[in-house]
């Protein structure tokens, strides 16, 4: 299982000198299970991934990937119209989202590419695009990869995914606000995972001013990771106003409580 980050920033792209080390693209994580490609969210980082994919089978119209959408807020889908492999005939993409959370996933993706928003309709993209509704709290197997889901606490809803393959596991839990007590559904999903990618948009102090916004903190991420016996925790969905220096200062504080914590970084590639 191989993972690479293409977008780690939350809410809005933040290009510029203050975010150059960790990246300013919105959420997109690629996960290769042998030759099978899963893509977690389709933020602006998807454009960068698409350019890389054009150098292999996707550039020849022979590529296939599954895109797991956490929810349809813009920062999680806005990269798809700029995803070059979707314009190559012969490529195939499965767009998946939990039916209860992503009501009208297909409709939302079509609306994003209406002519008033974008010059190319979704239906005009030459690749094969198939939408699949997943069950909340359910499991599905794709080519030997087990994908499990759990609901998250976010305005309009969001969904966490767990990917299990060949004895390794990754949990992607972006866009969630913690409860006073640990969410047992998310705790169950994270149990004994090798890696938890978690929404740490706010510091504990910032969170007090942003209750109800649907985002969490590094402190709560660590609490969840410890309770679930997670081996490694990656801070994700970085706040748009946090510079690279800010993020590293936050990381320094977090590591005092959980040494196996890191900042998700655009371009970072690792093997589980």
Foldseek 3Di string as FASTA:
>chain_A
DKKAWQAFAADAFFDDDQAVWFHRWFGWMWDQQPPAIEIEFQALSLLVVLVVCCVDVLVVLQEEYEYEFFELDCRRHVNVVNRVSQQRANYEYEYEYACVLHPCVVVSQQVCPDVVNHPDGSVNRRYHYHYDHDHAQDWDDDPQKIKGWHWAAAVSTTIKIWIDHPHAIEIEEEQHAADPDGDVSVLVSLAAHQEYEAFAADDPVVVVVVPPRRGYHLVVVLVSCVSRVYNAYEHGNYHSPQGPVNVVVSVVVSCVVPVRYYYNGHGDMDDD
